[in-house]
Protein backbone atom coordinates (compact mmCIF):
# COMPACT_ATOMS: atom_id res chain seq x y z
CA UNK A 1 -16.13 14.21 10.58
CA UNK A 2 -18.37 13.65 13.37
CA UNK A 3 -18.65 10.02 13.93
CA UNK A 4 -16.30 7.16 13.62
CA UNK A 5 -16.06 5.88 10.06
CA UNK A 6 -12.76 4.12 10.29
CA UNK A 7 -10.75 1.68 12.69
CA UNK A 8 -7.08 1.65 12.55
CA UNK A 9 -5.14 -1.58 12.99
CA UNK A 10 -2.18 -3.44 12.14
CA UNK A 11 -2.59 -5.87 9.57
CA UNK A 12 -1.93 -9.36 10.91
CA UNK A 13 -1.69 -12.92 9.52
CA UNK A 14 -4.83 -13.70 10.61
CA UNK A 15 -6.30 -10.51 8.71
CA UNK A 16 -4.34 -11.36 5.68
CA UNK A 17 -5.00 -14.93 5.35
CA UNK A 18 -8.83 -14.86 6.26
CA UNK A 19 -10.27 -11.62 5.09
CA UNK A 20 -7.71 -9.83 2.27
CA UNK A 21 -4.34 -9.17 1.33
CA UNK A 22 -4.98 -6.16 -0.73
CA UNK A 23 -6.48 -2.65 -0.26
CA UNK A 24 -10.08 -3.02 -1.42
CA UNK A 25 -9.83 0.42 -3.27
CA UNK A 26 -6.70 0.44 -5.12
CA UNK A 27 -5.76 -3.44 -4.81
CA UNK A 28 -2.29 -2.59 -3.53
CA UNK A 29 -0.43 -5.21 -1.35
CA UNK A 30 -1.16 -5.27 2.42
CA UNK A 31 1.50 -6.74 4.25
CA UNK A 32 1.92 -7.99 8.00
CA UNK A 33 2.88 -5.03 10.15
CA UNK A 34 1.54 -2.60 7.53
CA UNK A 35 -1.26 -0.12 9.16
CA UNK A 36 -4.65 -0.58 7.49
CA UNK A 37 -8.20 1.27 7.86
CA UNK A 38 -11.26 -0.57 8.25
CA UNK A 39 -14.18 1.21 6.66
CA UNK A 40 -17.19 0.76 8.84
CA UNK A 41 -19.71 2.23 6.44
CA UNK A 42 -18.65 0.02 3.37
CA UNK A 43 -16.86 -2.96 5.24
CA UNK A 44 -13.53 -3.21 3.53
CA UNK A 45 -10.09 -2.71 4.71
CA UNK A 46 -8.26 0.28 3.02
CA UNK A 47 -4.35 1.51 2.86
CA UNK A 48 -3.51 4.67 4.32
CA UNK A 49 -3.54 6.73 1.04
CA UNK A 50 -7.32 5.31 0.16
CA UNK A 51 -8.47 5.94 3.48
CA UNK A 52 -7.03 9.57 3.58
CA UNK A 53 -8.71 9.92 -0.09
CA UNK A 54 -12.30 8.90 1.22
CA UNK A 55 -12.12 11.07 3.98
CA UNK A 56 -11.26 14.08 1.53
CA UNK A 57 -13.92 13.14 -0.65
CA UNK A 58 -16.76 12.84 2.17
CA UNK A 59 -15.32 16.45 3.64
CA UNK A 60 -15.83 18.29 0.20
CA UNK A 61 -19.43 16.44 -0.27
CA UNK A 62 -20.44 17.74 3.09
CA UNK A 63 -18.84 21.07 2.57
CA UNK A 64 -20.98 21.62 -0.93
CA UNK A 65 -24.08 20.38 1.11
CA UNK A 66 -23.43 23.12 3.89
CA UNK A 67 -22.60 25.85 1.43
CA UNK A 68 -26.01 24.96 -1.07
CA UNK A 69 -28.43 25.03 2.25
CA UNK A 70 -31.53 23.56 1.94
CA UNK A 71 -32.87 24.89 -1.48
């Protein structure tokens, strides 16, 4: 991907208390110390597996757009 879409962070008590304690894609629990990914395009925290799925989905869409051309 050509631009930075995610910020990788460690879940802190502050994030869990003030923002969220679940992945906002699959709703799995986020615990202190977990690696989380902030999706800057959709303004949400994701777990690693949801972040990876989202990247794969974006890449497949970009590949389809490139292969289809302009017309």
